[in-house]
Every structure is written in structure tokens, then in C-alpha cells.
Amino acid sequence: NGEDPLGDTDAMPSKSELDELISKGEAREAALVLSAVERFAQS
């Protein structure tokens, strides 16, 4: 529906990269990771 904030790649970020996105990433990048955190927390 638009653009993947983490880029057009099949590679998955590492844990340290995800942590970096939360603390220093663009708002949309951080929000994406936090959305995955919420889904996982529900699971």
C-alpha cells in the first residue's frame, strides 16, 4: 500500500538494528517495530 519504511529488501534486521530503530530511527520506522512488539506481546 505504499512503501516499507525499512527498505525494499528481504533481509530482516538483527536485534541490535531493531533496538536502534526504536531509539534513533525515523518515527515511521520506530512505529513499525513497536507495532510488531505489540502483536508479539498479544501472542
Full PDB file with SEQRES, HELIX, SHEET, SSBOND, CRYST1, ORIGX, SCALE, CONECT and MASTER records, all heavy atoms in Angstrom:
SEQRES   1 A   43  ASN GLY GLU ASP PRO LEU GLY ASP THR ASP ALA MET PRO          
SEQRES   2 A   43  SER LYS SER GLU LEU ASP GLU LEU ILE SER LYS GLY GLU          
SEQRES   3 A   43  ALA ARG GLU ALA ALA LEU VAL LEU SER ALA VAL GLU ARG          
SEQRES   4 A   43  PHE ALA GLN SER                                              
HELIX    1 AA1 LYS A   15  LYS A   24  1                                  10    
HELIX    2 AA2 ALA A   27  GLN A   42  1                                  16    
CRYST1    1.000    1.000    1.000  90.00  90.00  90.00 P 1           1          
ORIGX1      1.000000  0.000000  0.000000        0.00000                         
ORIGX2      0.000000  1.000000  0.000000        0.00000                         
ORIGX3      0.000000  0.000000  1.000000        0.00000                         
SCALE1      1.000000  0.000000  0.000000        0.00000                         
SCALE2      0.000000  1.000000  0.000000        0.00000                         
SCALE3      0.000000  0.000000  1.000000        0.00000                         
ATOM      1  N   ASN A   1       0.803  -1.220   0.000  1.00  0.00           N  
ATOM      2  CA  ASN A   1       0.000   0.000   0.000  1.00  0.00           C  
ATOM      3  C   ASN A   1       0.839   1.275   0.000  1.00  0.00           C  
ATOM      4  O   ASN A   1       0.328   2.357   0.262  1.00  0.00           O  
ATOM      5  CB  ASN A   1      -0.923   0.008   1.223  1.00  0.00           C  
ATOM      6  CG  ASN A   1      -1.920  -1.139   1.196  1.00  0.00           C  
ATOM      7  OD1 ASN A   1      -2.859  -1.131   0.428  1.00  0.00           O  
ATOM      8  ND2 ASN A   1      -1.680  -2.140   2.031  1.00  0.00           N  
ATOM      9  N   GLY A   2       2.104   1.139  -0.251  1.00  0.00           N  
ATOM     10  CA  GLY A   2       2.951   2.326  -0.284  1.00  0.00           C  
ATOM     11  C   GLY A   2       4.419   1.955  -0.268  1.00  0.00           C  
ATOM     12  O   GLY A   2       4.961   1.508  -1.264  1.00  0.00           O  
ATOM     13  N   GLU A   3       5.030   2.111   0.898  1.00  0.00           N  
ATOM     14  CA  GLU A   3       6.464   1.875   0.989  1.00  0.00           C  
ATOM     15  C   GLU A   3       6.821   1.257   2.333  1.00  0.00           C  
ATOM     16  O   GLU A   3       6.320   1.672   3.375  1.00  0.00           O  
ATOM     17  CB  GLU A   3       7.216   3.202   0.821  1.00  0.00           C  
ATOM     18  CG  GLU A   3       8.731   3.052   0.848  1.00  0.00           C  
ATOM     19  CD  GLU A   3       9.438   4.384   0.705  1.00  0.00           C  
ATOM     20  OE1 GLU A   3       8.750   5.401   0.468  1.00  0.00           O  
ATOM     21  OE2 GLU A   3      10.666   4.405   0.850  1.00  0.00           O  
ATOM     22  N   ASP A   4       7.692   0.248   2.291  1.00  0.00           N  
ATOM     23  CA  ASP A   4       8.203  -0.368   3.507  1.00  0.00           C  
ATOM     24  C   ASP A   4       9.209   0.593   4.138  1.00  0.00           C  
ATOM     25  O   ASP A   4      10.230   0.920   3.522  1.00  0.00           O  
ATOM     26  CB  ASP A   4       8.867  -1.701   3.156  1.00  0.00           C  
ATOM     27  CG  ASP A   4       9.504  -2.394   4.353  1.00  0.00           C  
ATOM     28  OD1 ASP A   4       9.450  -1.838   5.466  1.00  0.00           O  
ATOM     29  OD2 ASP A   4      10.063  -3.489   4.165  1.00  0.00           O  
ATOM     30  N   PRO A   5       8.974   1.054   5.361  1.00  0.00           N  
ATOM     31  CA  PRO A   5       9.897   2.002   5.991  1.00  0.00           C  
ATOM     32  C   PRO A   5      11.322   1.472   6.149  1.00  0.00           C  
ATOM     33  O   PRO A   5      12.269   2.251   6.255  1.00  0.00           O  
ATOM     34  CB  PRO A   5       9.266   2.259   7.368  1.00  0.00           C  
ATOM     35  CG  PRO A   5       7.842   1.896   7.220  1.00  0.00           C  
ATOM     36  CD  PRO A   5       7.815   0.779   6.216  1.00  0.00           C  
ATOM     37  N   LEU A   6      11.453   0.132   6.168  1.00  0.00           N  
ATOM     38  CA  LEU A   6      12.788  -0.447   6.360  1.00  0.00           C  
ATOM     39  C   LEU A   6      13.494  -0.745   5.056  1.00  0.00           C  
ATOM     40  O   LEU A   6      14.588  -1.303   5.052  1.00  0.00           O  
ATOM     41  CB  LEU A   6      12.679  -1.726   7.203  1.00  0.00           C  
ATOM     42  CG  LEU A   6      12.008  -1.572   8.568  1.00  0.00           C  
ATOM     43  CD1 LEU A   6      12.148  -2.849   9.371  1.00  0.00           C  
ATOM     44  CD2 LEU A   6      12.566  -0.395   9.350  1.00  0.00           C  
ATOM     45  N   GLY A   7      12.876  -0.372   3.911  1.00  0.00           N  
ATOM     46  CA  GLY A   7      13.539  -0.549   2.633  1.00  0.00           C  
ATOM     47  C   GLY A   7      13.018  -1.740   1.859  1.00  0.00           C  
ATOM     48  O   GLY A   7      12.400  -2.650   2.409  1.00  0.00           O  
ATOM     49  N   ASP A   8      13.288  -1.726   0.581  1.00  0.00           N  
ATOM     50  CA  ASP A   8      12.841  -2.809  -0.298  1.00  0.00           C  
ATOM     51  C   ASP A   8      13.855  -3.942  -0.292  1.00  0.00           C  
ATOM     52  O   ASP A   8      14.659  -4.108  -1.208  1.00  0.00           O  
ATOM     53  CB  ASP A   8      12.644  -2.276  -1.731  1.00  0.00           C  
ATOM     54  CG  ASP A   8      11.570  -1.210  -1.789  1.00  0.00           C  
ATOM     55  OD1 ASP A   8      10.601  -1.340  -1.032  1.00  0.00           O  
ATOM     56  OD2 ASP A   8      11.723  -0.263  -2.570  1.00  0.00           O  
ATOM     57  N   THR A   9      13.849  -4.701   0.764  1.00  0.00           N  
ATOM     58  CA  THR A   9      14.774  -5.821   0.872  1.00  0.00           C  
ATOM     59  C   THR A   9      14.115  -6.945   1.643  1.00  0.00           C  
ATOM     60  O   THR A   9      13.261  -6.717   2.497  1.00  0.00           O  
ATOM     61  CB  THR A   9      16.087  -5.400   1.566  1.00  0.00           C  
ATOM     62  OG1 THR A   9      16.918  -6.554   1.751  1.00  0.00           O  
ATOM     63  CG2 THR A   9      15.791  -4.793   2.934  1.00  0.00           C  
ATOM     64  N   ASP A  10      14.529  -8.161   1.350  1.00  0.00           N  
ATOM     65  CA  ASP A  10      14.005  -9.323   2.065  1.00  0.00           C  
ATOM     66  C   ASP A  10      14.786  -9.590   3.352  1.00  0.00           C  
ATOM     67  O   ASP A  10      14.385 -10.427   4.157  1.00  0.00           O  
ATOM     68  CB  ASP A  10      14.086 -10.568   1.164  1.00  0.00           C  
ATOM     69  CG  ASP A  10      13.142 -10.472  -0.021  1.00  0.00           C  
ATOM     70  OD1 ASP A  10      12.110  -9.804   0.124  1.00  0.00           O  
ATOM     71  OD2 ASP A  10      13.455 -11.067  -1.079  1.00  0.00           O  
ATOM     72  N   ALA A  11      15.903  -8.899   3.528  1.00  0.00           N  
ATOM     73  CA  ALA A  11      16.718  -9.118   4.721  1.00  0.00           C  
ATOM     74  C   ALA A  11      16.010  -8.591   5.958  1.00  0.00           C  
ATOM     75  O   ALA A  11      15.423  -7.510   5.937  1.00  0.00           O  
ATOM     76  CB  ALA A  11      18.071  -8.431   4.563  1.00  0.00           C  
ATOM     77  N   MET A  12      16.072  -9.375   7.046  1.00  0.00           N  
ATOM     78  CA  MET A  12      15.451  -8.966   8.297  1.00  0.00           C  
ATOM     79  C   MET A  12      16.494  -8.308   9.199  1.00  0.00           C  
ATOM     80  O   MET A  12      17.636  -8.783   9.287  1.00  0.00           O  
ATOM     81  CB  MET A  12      14.830 -10.164   9.005  1.00  0.00           C  
ATOM     82  CG  MET A  12      13.650 -10.766   8.256  1.00  0.00           C  
ATOM     83  SD  MET A  12      12.291  -9.586   8.042  1.00  0.00           S  
ATOM     84  CE  MET A  12      11.678  -9.469   9.725  1.00  0.00           C  
ATOM     85  N   PRO A  13      16.133  -7.229   9.884  1.00  0.00           N  
ATOM     86  CA  PRO A  13      17.076  -6.565  10.789  1.00  0.00           C  
ATOM     87  C   PRO A  13      17.457  -7.476  11.951  1.00  0.00           C  
ATOM     88  O   PRO A  13      16.677  -8.335  12.374  1.00  0.00           O  
ATOM     89  CB  PRO A  13      16.295  -5.346  11.292  1.00  0.00           C  
ATOM     90  CG  PRO A  13      15.138  -5.191  10.359  1.00  0.00           C  
ATOM     91  CD  PRO A  13      14.826  -6.561   9.851  1.00  0.00           C  
ATOM     92  N   SER A  14      18.653  -7.271  12.477  1.00  0.00           N  
ATOM     93  CA  SER A  14      19.077  -8.002  13.665  1.00  0.00           C  
ATOM     94  C   SER A  14      18.436  -7.375  14.904  1.00  0.00           C  
ATOM     95  O   SER A  14      17.812  -6.311  14.837  1.00  0.00           O  
ATOM     96  CB  SER A  14      20.602  -7.933  13.802  1.00  0.00           C  
ATOM     97  OG  SER A  14      21.015  -6.599  14.023  1.00  0.00           O  
ATOM     98  N   LYS A  15      18.607  -8.035  16.066  1.00  0.00           N  
ATOM     99  CA  LYS A  15      18.051  -7.484  17.301  1.00  0.00           C  
ATOM    100  C   LYS A  15      18.631  -6.102  17.597  1.00  0.00           C  
ATOM    101  O   LYS A  15      17.910  -5.187  18.001  1.00  0.00           O  
ATOM    102  CB  LYS A  15      18.333  -8.435  18.472  1.00  0.00           C  
ATOM    103  CG  LYS A  15      17.501  -9.693  18.479  1.00  0.00           C  
ATOM    104  CD  LYS A  15      17.723 -10.496  19.744  1.00  0.00           C  
ATOM    105  CE  LYS A  15      19.143 -11.013  19.860  1.00  0.00           C  
ATOM    106  NZ  LYS A  15      19.334 -11.888  21.038  1.00  0.00           N  
ATOM    107  N   SER A  16      19.938  -5.948  17.401  1.00  0.00           N  
ATOM    108  CA  SER A  16      20.566  -4.653  17.679  1.00  0.00           C  
ATOM    109  C   SER A  16      20.072  -3.588  16.711  1.00  0.00           C  
ATOM    110  O   SER A  16      19.891  -2.422  17.107  1.00  0.00           O  
ATOM    111  CB  SER A  16      22.087  -4.779  17.604  1.00  0.00           C  
ATOM    112  OG  SER A  16      22.502  -5.208  16.309  1.00  0.00           O  
ATOM    113  N   GLU A  17      19.834  -3.961  15.473  1.00  0.00           N  
ATOM    114  CA  GLU A  17      19.316  -2.998  14.495  1.00  0.00           C  
ATOM    115  C   GLU A  17      17.886  -2.581  14.844  1.00  0.00           C  
ATOM    116  O   GLU A  17      17.519  -1.409  14.693  1.00  0.00           O  
ATOM    117  CB  GLU A  17      19.378  -3.597  13.089  1.00  0.00           C  
ATOM    118  CG  GLU A  17      20.795  -3.719  12.549  1.00  0.00           C  
ATOM    119  CD  GLU A  17      20.870  -4.501  11.254  1.00  0.00           C  
ATOM    120  OE1 GLU A  17      19.956  -5.329  10.987  1.00  0.00           O  
ATOM    121  OE2 GLU A  17      21.848  -4.305  10.500  1.00  0.00           O  
ATOM    122  N   LEU A  18      17.089  -3.529  15.312  1.00  0.00           N  
ATOM    123  CA  LEU A  18      15.729  -3.205  15.719  1.00  0.00           C  
ATOM    124  C   LEU A  18      15.733  -2.266  16.928  1.00  0.00           C  
ATOM    125  O   LEU A  18      14.943  -1.315  17.000  1.00  0.00           O  
ATOM    126  CB  LEU A  18      14.961  -4.481  16.058  1.00  0.00           C  
ATOM    127  CG  LEU A  18      14.629  -5.395  14.876  1.00  0.00           C  
ATOM    128  CD1 LEU A  18      14.047  -6.712  15.369  1.00  0.00           C  
ATOM    129  CD2 LEU A  18      13.664  -4.720  13.907  1.00  0.00           C  
ATOM    130  N   ASP A  19      16.634  -2.530  17.881  1.00  0.00           N  
ATOM    131  CA  ASP A  19      16.756  -1.651  19.042  1.00  0.00           C  
ATOM    132  C   ASP A  19      17.148  -0.242  18.612  1.00  0.00           C  
ATOM    133  O   ASP A  19      16.643   0.757  19.154  1.00  0.00           O  
ATOM    134  CB  ASP A  19      17.806  -2.197  20.015  1.00  0.00           C  
ATOM    135  CG  ASP A  19      17.347  -3.449  20.733  1.00  0.00           C  
ATOM    136  OD1 ASP A  19      16.147  -3.790  20.632  1.00  0.00           O  
ATOM    137  OD2 ASP A  19      18.187  -4.103  21.382  1.00  0.00           O  
ATOM    138  N   GLU A  20      18.036  -0.162  17.639  1.00  0.00           N  
ATOM    139  CA  GLU A  20      18.478   1.133  17.125  1.00  0.00           C  
ATOM    140  C   GLU A  20      17.323   1.878  16.463  1.00  0.00           C  
ATOM    141  O   GLU A  20      17.184   3.096  16.613  1.00  0.00           O  
ATOM    142  CB  GLU A  20      19.619   0.918  16.121  1.00  0.00           C  
ATOM    143  CG  GLU A  20      20.246   2.185  15.578  1.00  0.00           C  
ATOM    144  CD  GLU A  20      21.272   2.786  16.511  1.00  0.00           C  
ATOM    145  OE1 GLU A  20      21.577   2.172  17.545  1.00  0.00           O  
ATOM    146  OE2 GLU A  20      21.764   3.884  16.199  1.00  0.00           O  
ATOM    147  N   LEU A  21      16.488   1.159  15.739  1.00  0.00           N  
ATOM    148  CA  LEU A  21      15.349   1.788  15.077  1.00  0.00           C  
ATOM    149  C   LEU A  21      14.369   2.379  16.097  1.00  0.00           C  
ATOM    150  O   LEU A  21      13.795   3.443  15.886  1.00  0.00           O  
ATOM    151  CB  LEU A  21      14.622   0.772  14.187  1.00  0.00           C  
ATOM    152  CG  LEU A  21      15.358   0.355  12.906  1.00  0.00           C  
ATOM    153  CD1 LEU A  21      14.643  -0.805  12.247  1.00  0.00           C  
ATOM    154  CD2 LEU A  21      15.469   1.528  11.945  1.00  0.00           C  
ATOM    155  N   ILE A  22      14.190   1.670  17.217  1.00  0.00           N  
ATOM    156  CA  ILE A  22      13.279   2.174  18.245  1.00  0.00           C  
ATOM    157  C   ILE A  22      13.810   3.448  18.890  1.00  0.00           C  
ATOM    158  O   ILE A  22      13.064   4.412  19.137  1.00  0.00           O  
ATOM    159  CB  ILE A  22      13.034   1.091  19.321  1.00  0.00           C  
ATOM    160  CG1 ILE A  22      12.121   0.002  18.765  1.00  0.00           C  
ATOM    161  CG2 ILE A  22      12.414   1.694  20.576  1.00  0.00           C  
ATOM    162  CD1 ILE A  22      11.854  -1.121  19.723  1.00  0.00           C  
ATOM    163  N   SER A  23      15.105   3.464  19.157  1.00  0.00           N  
ATOM    164  CA  SER A  23      15.668   4.601  19.889  1.00  0.00           C  
ATOM    165  C   SER A  23      16.070   5.773  18.999  1.00  0.00           C  
ATOM    166  O   SER A  23      15.951   6.931  19.410  1.00  0.00           O  
ATOM    167  CB  SER A  23      16.889   4.141  20.699  1.00  0.00           C  
ATOM    168  OG  SER A  23      17.896   3.637  19.833  1.00  0.00           O  
ATOM    169  N   LYS A  24      16.506   5.463  17.763  1.00  0.00           N  
ATOM    170  CA  LYS A  24      17.047   6.543  16.933  1.00  0.00           C  
ATOM    171  C   LYS A  24      16.475   6.590  15.513  1.00  0.00           C  
ATOM    172  O   LYS A  24      16.848   7.459  14.728  1.00  0.00           O  
ATOM    173  CB  LYS A  24      18.574   6.405  16.842  1.00  0.00           C  
ATOM    174  CG  LYS A  24      19.289   6.510  18.175  1.00  0.00           C  
ATOM    175  CD  LYS A  24      20.792   6.352  18.024  1.00  0.00           C  
ATOM    176  CE  LYS A  24      21.503   6.448  19.373  1.00  0.00           C  
ATOM    177  NZ  LYS A  24      22.970   6.265  19.237  1.00  0.00           N  
ATOM    178  N   GLY A  25      15.588   5.668  15.187  1.00  0.00           N  
ATOM    179  CA  GLY A  25      15.053   5.633  13.832  1.00  0.00           C  
ATOM    180  C   GLY A  25      14.041   6.726  13.571  1.00  0.00           C  
ATOM    181  O   GLY A  25      13.596   7.434  14.481  1.00  0.00           O  
ATOM    182  N   GLU A  26      13.684   6.873  12.308  1.00  0.00           N  
ATOM    183  CA  GLU A  26      12.606   7.788  11.949  1.00  0.00           C  
ATOM    184  C   GLU A  26      11.316   7.330  12.640  1.00  0.00           C  
ATOM    185  O   GLU A  26      11.170   6.158  12.992  1.00  0.00           O  
ATOM    186  CB  GLU A  26      12.416   7.798  10.438  1.00  0.00           C  
ATOM    187  CG  GLU A  26      13.629   8.286   9.646  1.00  0.00           C  
ATOM    188  CD  GLU A  26      13.863   9.786   9.823  1.00  0.00           C  
ATOM    189  OE1 GLU A  26      12.881  10.487  10.157  1.00  0.00           O  
ATOM    190  OE2 GLU A  26      15.005  10.231   9.650  1.00  0.00           O  
ATOM    191  N   ALA A  27      10.395   8.263  12.825  1.00  0.00           N  
ATOM    192  CA  ALA A  27       9.169   7.952  13.551  1.00  0.00           C  
ATOM    193  C   ALA A  27       8.433   6.771  12.939  1.00  0.00           C  
ATOM    194  O   ALA A  27       7.937   5.883  13.658  1.00  0.00           O  
ATOM    195  CB  ALA A  27       8.260   9.183  13.585  1.00  0.00           C  
ATOM    196  N   ARG A  28       8.374   6.716  11.620  1.00  0.00           N  
ATOM    197  CA  ARG A  28       7.648   5.638  10.952  1.00  0.00           C  
ATOM    198  C   ARG A  28       8.369   4.302  11.129  1.00  0.00           C  
ATOM    199  O   ARG A  28       7.726   3.254  11.277  1.00  0.00           O  
ATOM    200  CB  ARG A  28       7.478   5.973   9.469  1.00  0.00           C  
ATOM    201  CG  ARG A  28       6.531   5.061   8.712  1.00  0.00           C  
ATOM    202  CD  ARG A  28       6.232   5.658   7.338  1.00  0.00           C  
ATOM    203  NE  ARG A  28       5.583   4.716   6.459  1.00  0.00           N  
ATOM    204  CZ  ARG A  28       4.277   4.433   6.482  1.00  0.00           C  
ATOM    205  NH1 ARG A  28       3.507   5.024   7.384  1.00  0.00           N  
ATOM    206  NH2 ARG A  28       3.762   3.574   5.634  1.00  0.00           N  
ATOM    207  N   GLU A  29       9.699   4.309  11.136  1.00  0.00           N  
ATOM    208  CA  GLU A  29      10.474   3.090  11.360  1.00  0.00           C  
ATOM    209  C   GLU A  29      10.244   2.566  12.775  1.00  0.00           C  
ATOM    210  O   GLU A  29       9.989   1.371  12.988  1.00  0.00           O  
ATOM    211  CB  GLU A  29      11.962   3.359  11.141  1.00  0.00           C  
ATOM    212  CG  GLU A  29      12.340   3.727   9.711  1.00  0.00           C  
ATOM    213  CD  GLU A  29      13.786   4.163   9.590  1.00  0.00           C  
ATOM    214  OE1 GLU A  29      14.372   4.603  10.613  1.00  0.00           O  
ATOM    215  OE2 GLU A  29      14.334   4.076   8.476  1.00  0.00           O  
ATOM    216  N   ALA A  30      10.346   3.484  13.755  1.00  0.00           N  
ATOM    217  CA  ALA A  30      10.145   3.090  15.146  1.00  0.00           C  
ATOM    218  C   ALA A  30       8.726   2.579  15.370  1.00  0.00           C  
ATOM    219  O   ALA A  30       8.510   1.580  16.075  1.00  0.00           O  
ATOM    220  CB  ALA A  30      10.435   4.264  16.072  1.00  0.00           C  
ATOM    221  N   ALA A  31       7.758   3.250  14.736  1.00  0.00           N  
ATOM    222  CA  ALA A  31       6.361   2.842  14.901  1.00  0.00           C  
ATOM    223  C   ALA A  31       6.122   1.455  14.325  1.00  0.00           C  
ATOM    224  O   ALA A  31       5.337   0.662  14.883  1.00  0.00           O  
ATOM    225  CB  ALA A  31       5.443   3.856  14.229  1.00  0.00           C  
ATOM    226  N   LEU A  32       6.785   1.133  13.230  1.00  0.00           N  
ATOM    227  CA  LEU A  32       6.649  -0.194  12.629  1.00  0.00           C  
ATOM    228  C   LEU A  32       7.161  -1.266  13.595  1.00  0.00           C  
ATOM    229  O   LEU A  32       6.490  -2.282  13.820  1.00  0.00           O  
ATOM    230  CB  LEU A  32       7.427  -0.251  11.315  1.00  0.00           C  
ATOM    231  CG  LEU A  32       7.570  -1.635  10.655  1.00  0.00           C  
ATOM    232  CD1 LEU A  32       6.209  -2.237  10.358  1.00  0.00           C  
ATOM    233  CD2 LEU A  32       8.416  -1.527   9.385  1.00  0.00           C  
ATOM    234  N   VAL A  33       8.342  -1.054  14.160  1.00  0.00           N  
ATOM    235  CA  VAL A  33       8.910  -2.034  15.087  1.00  0.00           C  
ATOM    236  C   VAL A  33       8.028  -2.164  16.331  1.00  0.00           C  
ATOM    237  O   VAL A  33       7.760  -3.270  16.811  1.00  0.00           O  
ATOM    238  CB  VAL A  33      10.346  -1.648  15.479  1.00  0.00           C  
ATOM    239  CG1 VAL A  33      10.909  -2.654  16.485  1.00  0.00           C  
ATOM    240  CG2 VAL A  33      11.246  -1.584  14.252  1.00  0.00           C  
ATOM    241  N   LEU A  34       7.531  -1.042  16.833  1.00  0.00           N  
ATOM    242  CA  LEU A  34       6.656  -1.074  18.008  1.00  0.00           C  
ATOM    243  C   LEU A  34       5.334  -1.783  17.710  1.00  0.00           C  
ATOM    244  O   LEU A  34       4.751  -2.431  18.588  1.00  0.00           O  
ATOM    245  CB  LEU A  34       6.395   0.339  18.514  1.00  0.00           C  
ATOM    246  CG  LEU A  34       7.597   1.028  19.185  1.00  0.00           C  
ATOM    247  CD1 LEU A  34       7.279   2.480  19.475  1.00  0.00           C  
ATOM    248  CD2 LEU A  34       8.001   0.295  20.459  1.00  0.00           C  
ATOM    249  N   SER A  35       4.878  -1.682  16.467  1.00  0.00           N  
ATOM    250  CA  SER A  35       3.660  -2.406  16.077  1.00  0.00           C  
ATOM    251  C   SER A  35       3.899  -3.916  16.141  1.00  0.00           C  
ATOM    252  O   SER A  35       3.035  -4.675  16.584  1.00  0.00           O  
ATOM    253  CB  SER A  35       3.227  -1.998  14.667  1.00  0.00           C  
ATOM    254  OG  SER A  35       2.869  -0.633  14.618  1.00  0.00           O  
ATOM    255  N   ALA A  36       5.098  -4.344  15.703  1.00  0.00           N  
ATOM    256  CA  ALA A  36       5.442  -5.764  15.794  1.00  0.00           C  
ATOM    257  C   ALA A  36       5.574  -6.194  17.251  1.00  0.00           C  
ATOM    258  O   ALA A  36       5.176  -7.306  17.624  1.00  0.00           O  
ATOM    259  CB  ALA A  36       6.742  -6.039  15.039  1.00  0.00           C  
ATOM    260  N   VAL A  37       6.118  -5.302  18.094  1.00  0.00           N  
ATOM    261  CA  VAL A  37       6.225  -5.583  19.523  1.00  0.00           C  
ATOM    262  C   VAL A  37       4.835  -5.802  20.118  1.00  0.00           C  
ATOM    263  O   VAL A  37       4.601  -6.742  20.887  1.00  0.00           O  
ATOM    264  CB  VAL A  37       6.946  -4.429  20.256  1.00  0.00           C  
ATOM    265  CG1 VAL A  37       6.782  -4.566  21.772  1.00  0.00           C  
ATOM    266  CG2 VAL A  37       8.421  -4.407  19.891  1.00  0.00           C  
ATOM    267  N   GLU A  38       3.882  -4.944  19.751  1.00  0.00           N  
ATOM    268  CA  GLU A  38       2.522  -5.069  20.263  1.00  0.00           C  
ATOM    269  C   GLU A  38       1.889  -6.388  19.833  1.00  0.00           C  
ATOM    270  O   GLU A  38       1.264  -7.085  20.652  1.00  0.00           O  
ATOM    271  CB  GLU A  38       1.675  -3.895  19.774  1.00  0.00           C  
ATOM    272  CG  GLU A  38       0.205  -3.972  20.160  1.00  0.00           C  
ATOM    273  CD  GLU A  38      -0.039  -3.924  21.657  1.00  0.00           C  
ATOM    274  OE1 GLU A  38       0.840  -3.417  22.396  1.00  0.00           O  
ATOM    275  OE2 GLU A  38      -1.102  -4.394  22.105  1.00  0.00           O  
ATOM    276  N   ARG A  39       2.043  -6.739  18.576  1.00  0.00           N  
ATOM    277  CA  ARG A  39       1.480  -8.012  18.092  1.00  0.00           C  
ATOM    278  C   ARG A  39       2.094  -9.187  18.840  1.00  0.00           C  
ATOM    279  O   ARG A  39       1.397 -10.127  19.239  1.00  0.00           O  
ATOM    280  CB  ARG A  39       1.725  -8.158  16.596  1.00  0.00           C  
ATOM    281  CG  ARG A  39       0.833  -7.310  15.712  1.00  0.00           C  
ATOM    282  CD  ARG A  39       0.947  -7.789  14.284  1.00  0.00           C  
ATOM    283  NE  ARG A  39       0.020  -7.094  13.400  1.00  0.00           N  
ATOM    284  CZ  ARG A  39      -0.240  -7.491  12.154  1.00  0.00           C  
ATOM    285  NH1 ARG A  39       0.362  -8.577  11.665  1.00  0.00           N  
ATOM    286  NH2 ARG A  39      -1.080  -6.820  11.405  1.00  0.00           N  
ATOM    287  N   PHE A  40       3.410  -9.143  19.008  1.00  0.00           N  
ATOM    288  CA  PHE A  40       4.078 -10.248  19.693  1.00  0.00           C  
ATOM    289  C   PHE A  40       3.641 -10.316  21.149  1.00  0.00           C  
ATOM    290  O   PHE A  40       3.437 -11.406  21.697  1.00  0.00           O  
ATOM    291  CB  PHE A  40       5.592 -10.097  19.605  1.00  0.00           C  
ATOM    292  CG  PHE A  40       6.336 -11.236  20.257  1.00  0.00           C  
ATOM    293  CD1 PHE A  40       6.545 -12.423  19.570  1.00  0.00           C  
ATOM    294  CD2 PHE A  40       6.809 -11.128  21.556  1.00  0.00           C  
ATOM    295  CE1 PHE A  40       7.211 -13.481  20.166  1.00  0.00           C  
ATOM    296  CE2 PHE A  40       7.473 -12.178  22.161  1.00  0.00           C  
ATOM    297  CZ  PHE A  40       7.673 -13.356  21.461  1.00  0.00           C  
ATOM    298  N   ALA A  41       3.508  -9.165  21.804  1.00  0.00           N  
ATOM    299  CA  ALA A  41       3.070  -9.136  23.203  1.00  0.00           C  
ATOM    300  C   ALA A  41       1.679  -9.741  23.341  1.00  0.00           C  
ATOM    301  O   ALA A  41       1.396 -10.461  24.318  1.00  0.00           O  
ATOM    302  CB  ALA A  41       3.082  -7.706  23.724  1.00  0.00           C  
ATOM    303  N   GLN A  42       0.803  -9.468  22.379  1.00  0.00           N  
ATOM    304  CA  GLN A  42      -0.529 -10.079  22.398  1.00  0.00           C  
ATOM    305  C   GLN A  42      -0.418 -11.595  22.267  1.00  0.00           C  
ATOM    306  O   GLN A  42      -1.120 -12.346  22.958  1.00  0.00           O  
ATOM    307  CB  GLN A  42      -1.389  -9.504  21.260  1.00  0.00           C  
ATOM    308  CG  GLN A  42      -1.714  -8.030  21.382  1.00  0.00           C  
ATOM    309  CD  GLN A  42      -2.766  -7.731  22.443  1.00  0.00           C  
ATOM    310  OE1 GLN A  42      -3.429  -8.636  22.958  1.00  0.00           O  
ATOM    311  NE2 GLN A  42      -2.935  -6.460  22.778  1.00  0.00           N  
ATOM    312  N   SER A  43       0.465 -12.053  21.389  1.00  0.00           N  
ATOM    313  CA  SER A  43       0.666 -13.503  21.218  1.00  0.00           C  
ATOM    314  C   SER A  43       1.235 -14.127  22.485  1.00  0.00           C  
ATOM    315  O   SER A  43       0.803 -15.201  22.918  1.00  0.00           O  
ATOM    316  CB  SER A  43       1.614 -13.773  20.043  1.00  0.00           C  
ATOM    317  OG  SER A  43       1.061 -13.333  18.827  1.00  0.00           O  
TER     318      SER A  43                                                      
MASTER        0    0    0    2    0    0    0    6  317    1    0    4          
END                                                                             
